[in-house]
Amino acid sequence: MGDLSWKDFLSQAKQFLEISQKLGDNWVLAQKDSNEPNVYLKCSQKIRWQSGKNNAGELVSVEYHVVFSVSYQVPMLFFQAHRSDGSLLDVEATWKLFMPESKASDLHQILTQMDHPVLFRPFMALHPCRTAEVLKQFGKPSGNQVLSFISLYGPHVQLHLQNAYGLSQEYT
């Protein structure tokens, strides 16, 4: 549990997508080309952010990608956040939006900017170094590590799944 092959990731991502479609959620499976591992799960949402500039809050569009980390053999969460004018939030603004309680010295180890492994452009990412260890801590192995990963890591960047995802007995 925790170490995942590319084929397992792809199979579990497709299972996750089936659940998403049944629930009317907006996840899609994006594919850059037919090479491995150029497939990832993608979801978009809007978040209201009290940035301090505007008392009413600013609407931020966030696009999340769950990709397979070849190096770590685990799912990995990438995302980009854009203001309503289309401009990309810089690293500091992203930290303030998603991890306001964290110490600045810890943030580089948790939430960092790196190249997306499929799209080859900068995205924010939750660092995958401890993901396998975290996924292994479940007493009963998960039937779908992709679902477990999103459920565990998503809330740290305001990505929340409906509770109904956990009710899908087929894959959990």
Foldseek 3Di string as FASTA:
>chain_A
DLAADLVLQVVLVVVLVVLCVVVVFPKDWDAPDDDPPRIWIKHKDWDFAPQVPDNVGWIKIKMWIWGADPVRRHTWIWMWIATPVGDTDDPVSQCCRQPVPDDPVCCCQAWHWDADPNPRDITIIGDCPCRSVVQVPDPDHWQRRVVVSCCVPVVSNPRHDDPVSVVPVVGD
